[in-house]
Protein backbone atom coordinates (compact mmCIF):
# COMPACT_ATOMS: atom_id res chain seq x y z
CA MET A 1 131.44 85.58 94.25
CA VAL A 2 130.66 82.82 96.75
CA PHE A 3 129.11 80.68 94.03
CA THR A 4 132.17 81.19 91.81
CA SER A 5 134.25 79.90 94.73
CA ILE A 6 132.08 76.77 94.98
CA ALA A 7 132.73 76.01 91.31
CA GLU A 8 136.46 76.62 91.74
CA ASN A 9 136.52 74.45 94.87
CA ILE A 10 134.89 71.57 93.03
CA GLN A 11 137.33 71.87 90.13
CA ARG A 12 140.25 71.77 92.56
CA LEU A 13 138.75 68.82 94.43
CA ARG A 14 138.34 66.87 91.21
CA ARG A 15 142.06 67.25 90.56
CA GLU A 16 142.98 66.22 94.11
CA ILE A 17 140.56 63.27 93.99
CA ASP A 18 142.12 62.11 90.73
CA ASP A 19 145.60 62.30 92.22
CA ALA A 20 144.52 60.27 95.27
CA ALA A 21 142.71 57.68 93.14
CA ARG A 22 145.82 57.02 91.09
CA GLU A 23 147.58 55.84 94.26
CA SER A 24 145.19 52.86 94.33
CA GLY A 25 145.30 52.25 90.59
CA ARG A 26 142.10 54.07 89.72
CA GLY A 27 141.10 57.44 88.30
CA GLY A 28 138.97 60.27 89.61
CA TRP A 29 136.02 59.10 87.51
CA ASP A 30 135.68 56.15 89.91
CA ILE A 31 135.03 58.42 92.91
CA LEU A 32 131.64 59.96 93.71
CA LEU A 33 131.83 63.45 95.21
CA VAL A 34 128.99 64.06 97.68
CA GLY A 35 128.65 67.67 98.80
CA ALA A 36 127.88 67.73 102.53
CA SER A 37 125.50 70.67 102.36
CA LYS A 38 124.63 71.06 106.05
CA MET A 39 124.08 74.74 106.92
CA ASN A 40 124.36 75.79 103.28
CA ASP A 41 121.30 77.32 101.65
CA ALA A 42 119.38 76.29 98.54
CA ALA A 43 121.33 78.70 96.34
CA ALA A 44 124.64 77.18 97.44
CA CYS A 45 123.29 73.70 96.73
CA GLN A 46 122.22 74.77 93.26
CA ALA A 47 125.64 76.34 92.64
CA ALA A 48 127.31 73.03 93.54
CA ILE A 49 124.97 71.14 91.22
CA ALA A 50 125.69 73.58 88.39
CA ALA A 51 129.41 72.99 88.99
CA GLY A 52 129.02 69.24 88.59
CA ILE A 53 128.74 67.82 92.11
CA ASP A 54 127.71 64.13 91.92
CA ALA A 55 125.23 64.25 94.81
CA LEU A 56 124.30 66.35 97.82
CA GLY A 57 124.19 64.94 101.34
CA GLU A 58 122.22 66.28 104.28
CA ASN A 59 122.76 65.58 107.99
CA ARG A 60 119.56 66.97 109.46
CA VAL A 61 116.02 65.96 108.57
CA GLN A 62 114.47 69.35 109.35
CA GLU A 63 116.99 71.22 107.22
CA MET A 64 116.61 68.73 104.40
CA THR A 65 112.82 69.09 104.42
CA ALA A 66 113.02 72.88 104.33
CA LYS A 67 115.44 72.87 101.41
CA LEU A 68 113.38 70.31 99.51
CA ALA A 69 110.54 72.83 99.55
CA GLN A 70 112.93 75.29 97.88
CA ASN A 71 113.98 72.79 95.16
CA ALA A 72 117.53 72.96 96.50
CA TYR A 73 118.48 69.54 95.16
CA ALA A 74 116.93 69.68 91.69
CA GLY A 75 119.39 68.19 89.22
CA ALA A 76 121.37 65.89 91.53
CA PRO A 77 120.72 62.84 93.73
CA LEU A 78 120.02 63.54 97.40
CA HIS A 79 121.66 61.42 100.08
CA PHE A 80 121.16 61.38 103.84
CA ILE A 81 124.54 61.21 105.56
CA GLY A 82 123.87 62.14 109.21
CA HIS A 83 122.65 60.21 112.22
CA LEU A 84 119.05 59.20 111.55
CA GLN A 85 116.63 58.77 114.42
CA ARG A 86 113.99 56.10 113.96
CA ASN A 87 111.16 58.55 114.60
CA LYS A 88 112.37 60.70 111.70
CA ALA A 89 113.02 57.90 109.23
CA ARG A 90 109.57 58.35 107.67
CA GLN A 91 110.71 61.74 106.32
CA VAL A 92 113.79 60.23 104.71
CA VAL A 93 112.74 56.83 103.36
CA GLY A 94 111.62 57.23 99.78
CA THR A 95 112.80 60.84 99.70
CA VAL A 96 116.54 60.29 99.34
CA SER A 97 118.26 57.98 96.90
CA LEU A 98 120.76 56.66 99.46
CA ILE A 99 120.92 56.58 103.26
CA HIS A 100 124.58 56.34 104.32
CA SER A 101 124.06 56.06 108.06
CA VAL A 102 122.17 52.87 108.91
CA ASP A 103 123.75 52.33 112.29
CA SER A 104 121.55 49.83 114.16
CA THR A 105 119.24 46.88 113.67
CA PRO A 106 116.15 48.77 114.94
CA LEU A 107 116.76 51.55 112.39
CA LEU A 108 117.31 49.01 109.64
CA LEU A 109 114.01 47.27 110.43
CA GLU A 110 112.16 50.59 110.60
CA ILE A 111 113.46 51.50 107.15
CA GLU A 112 112.29 48.10 105.89
CA ARG A 113 108.82 48.68 107.42
CA LEU A 114 108.44 52.15 105.93
CA ALA A 115 109.72 51.11 102.52
CA ALA A 116 107.27 48.18 102.48
CA LEU A 117 104.39 50.51 103.29
CA ARG A 118 105.41 52.75 100.40
CA GLY A 119 106.01 49.93 97.96
CA ILE A 120 109.63 50.89 97.32
CA ARG A 121 113.12 49.54 97.86
CA GLN A 122 115.37 51.91 99.79
CA ASP A 123 119.11 51.90 99.08
CA VAL A 124 121.32 52.10 102.17
CA LEU A 125 124.86 51.78 103.45
CA LEU A 126 125.72 50.15 106.79
CA GLU A 127 127.67 52.44 109.10
CA VAL A 128 130.75 50.97 110.77
CA ASN A 129 132.03 52.38 114.06
CA VAL A 130 135.55 51.39 113.11
CA GLY A 131 137.22 53.18 116.02
CA GLY A 132 134.91 51.75 118.69
CA GLU A 133 134.08 55.26 119.90
CA VAL A 134 131.29 55.46 122.49
CA SER A 135 130.36 58.91 121.19
CA LYS A 136 129.60 57.55 117.70
CA SER A 137 126.88 55.30 116.41
CA GLY A 138 127.37 52.43 113.99
CA PHE A 139 127.87 48.69 113.96
CA SER A 140 131.08 47.42 115.49
CA PRO A 141 133.22 45.37 113.11
CA SER A 142 132.17 42.21 114.98
CA GLU A 143 128.46 43.06 114.56
CA LEU A 144 128.76 43.98 110.93
CA TYR A 145 128.55 40.49 109.43
CA GLY A 146 125.26 39.79 111.19
CA ALA A 147 123.86 43.15 110.11
CA ALA A 148 124.90 42.48 106.51
CA GLU A 149 123.24 39.06 106.55
CA LEU A 150 120.03 40.52 107.96
CA THR A 151 120.00 43.29 105.37
CA ALA A 152 120.50 40.78 102.56
CA SER A 153 117.34 38.98 103.72
CA LEU A 154 115.10 42.06 103.57
CA GLN A 155 112.74 42.68 100.67
CA HIS A 156 112.48 46.46 100.76
CA VAL A 157 116.03 47.51 101.67
CA ARG A 158 118.99 47.15 99.33
CA CYS A 159 122.42 47.47 100.89
CA LEU A 160 125.04 48.87 98.52
CA GLY A 161 128.05 48.95 100.84
CA LEU A 162 129.59 50.56 103.91
CA MET A 163 130.09 53.99 105.42
CA SER A 164 132.47 54.99 108.20
CA VAL A 165 133.81 58.00 110.06
CA PRO A 166 137.13 57.27 111.83
CA PRO A 167 138.27 58.99 115.03
CA PRO A 168 139.61 62.55 114.69
CA ALA A 169 143.20 62.50 113.46
CA ARG A 170 145.88 64.51 115.23
CA ARG A 171 148.49 64.06 112.50
CA GLN A 172 148.62 63.43 108.78
CA HIS A 173 147.81 59.89 107.60
CA GLN A 174 146.84 58.80 111.14
CA ASN A 175 143.50 57.43 109.96
CA ARG A 176 144.87 55.21 107.22
CA PRO A 177 144.74 52.04 109.39
CA TYR A 178 141.03 52.68 110.04
CA PHE A 179 140.31 53.22 106.36
CA GLU A 180 142.23 50.06 105.50
CA LYS A 181 140.24 48.07 108.08
CA VAL A 182 136.90 49.24 106.68
CA TYR A 183 138.04 48.43 103.16
CA SER A 184 139.04 44.93 104.28
CA LEU A 185 135.59 44.44 105.86
CA PHE A 186 133.98 45.70 102.66
CA VAL A 187 135.89 43.25 100.46
CA ASP A 188 135.28 40.27 102.76
CA ILE A 189 131.55 40.82 103.33
CA ASN A 190 131.00 41.74 99.71
CA LYS A 191 132.50 38.41 98.63
CA LYS A 192 130.95 36.19 101.31
CA ILE A 193 127.42 37.63 101.53
CA TYR A 194 126.75 39.89 98.54
CA ASP A 195 128.37 38.02 95.64
CA ASN A 196 130.54 41.09 94.98
CA LYS A 197 127.50 43.23 94.17
CA TRP A 198 128.24 45.97 96.68
CA GLU A 199 128.97 49.26 94.95
CA TYR A 200 130.07 51.87 97.48
CA ILE A 201 132.45 52.44 100.33
CA SER A 202 131.76 55.89 101.72
CA MET A 203 134.82 57.19 103.59
CA GLY A 204 136.62 60.51 103.67
CA MET A 205 135.77 64.12 104.40
CA SER A 206 137.46 67.46 103.79
CA ASP A 207 140.53 66.76 105.95
CA ASP A 208 141.19 63.14 105.05
CA PHE A 209 139.54 62.28 101.73
CA ALA A 210 142.86 61.71 99.94
CA ASP A 211 143.90 59.03 102.44
CA ALA A 212 140.43 57.45 102.31
CA ILE A 213 140.54 57.24 98.52
CA ALA A 214 144.06 55.85 98.53
CA CYS A 215 142.79 53.11 100.88
CA GLY A 216 139.86 52.15 98.64
CA SER A 217 137.00 54.61 99.21
CA ASN A 218 134.92 55.41 96.13
CA MET A 219 132.54 57.92 97.72
CA VAL A 220 133.65 60.97 99.72
CA ARG A 221 131.45 63.33 101.74
CA ILE A 222 132.94 66.81 101.57
CA GLY A 223 131.48 69.98 103.07
CA THR A 224 134.01 72.67 103.96
CA ALA A 225 136.26 72.05 100.96
CA VAL A 226 133.23 72.52 98.67
CA PHE A 227 131.17 75.21 100.37
CA GLY A 228 133.67 76.94 102.64
CA LYS A 229 133.64 77.09 106.43
CA ARG A 230 130.24 76.85 108.08
CA ASN A 231 128.98 79.71 110.21
CA TYR A 232 127.86 78.02 113.42
CA MET A 233 126.72 81.36 114.84
CA LYS A 234 123.69 81.47 112.51
């Protein structure tokens, strides 16, 4: 029954994503749906994959490692979307197809070092702390250009775009200015530094993905609206 609900949730989300995309002159096929699978077991991950999720995203290295051993992600790309500590990067680099949350120069250089040791090129997104919140990690908008230039110079890291989590919204559409700011940064840096080769702007979660898409996001990270409410008492 739970797995049927996951399939139904994804079908509903696809319709809502398509509606939001049309506001910015696109269609739902342009938007990647990443299932934020934190605190959901391997069976739930497999149910989401069977229902057509584009990718699964994990927030915690230990949980990701445990579910990898259970083949939880077989059949879909695996992304890392949570805060990544440098001392745990070795478990993520080369394991996931995309790291969304590169939030500092030391982490970026550690990913480069590990990828070089493994003879690979790791795809990443740079995280923007668009609201300037002290409780959140990420590059400030003023730091972002320097980080993008540094990343472009690395041999074993490939930056594909930006990720951001705006401050919590207290009313509908409150986060649109933040989404618009990140999109503006994306367009400007993509043109000036990356010759318009950036692919992704990862913005939007269960409560605000429609606004994020309308403002230009093409990758949304959705947990509750896919898997249902998490049980934090486990």
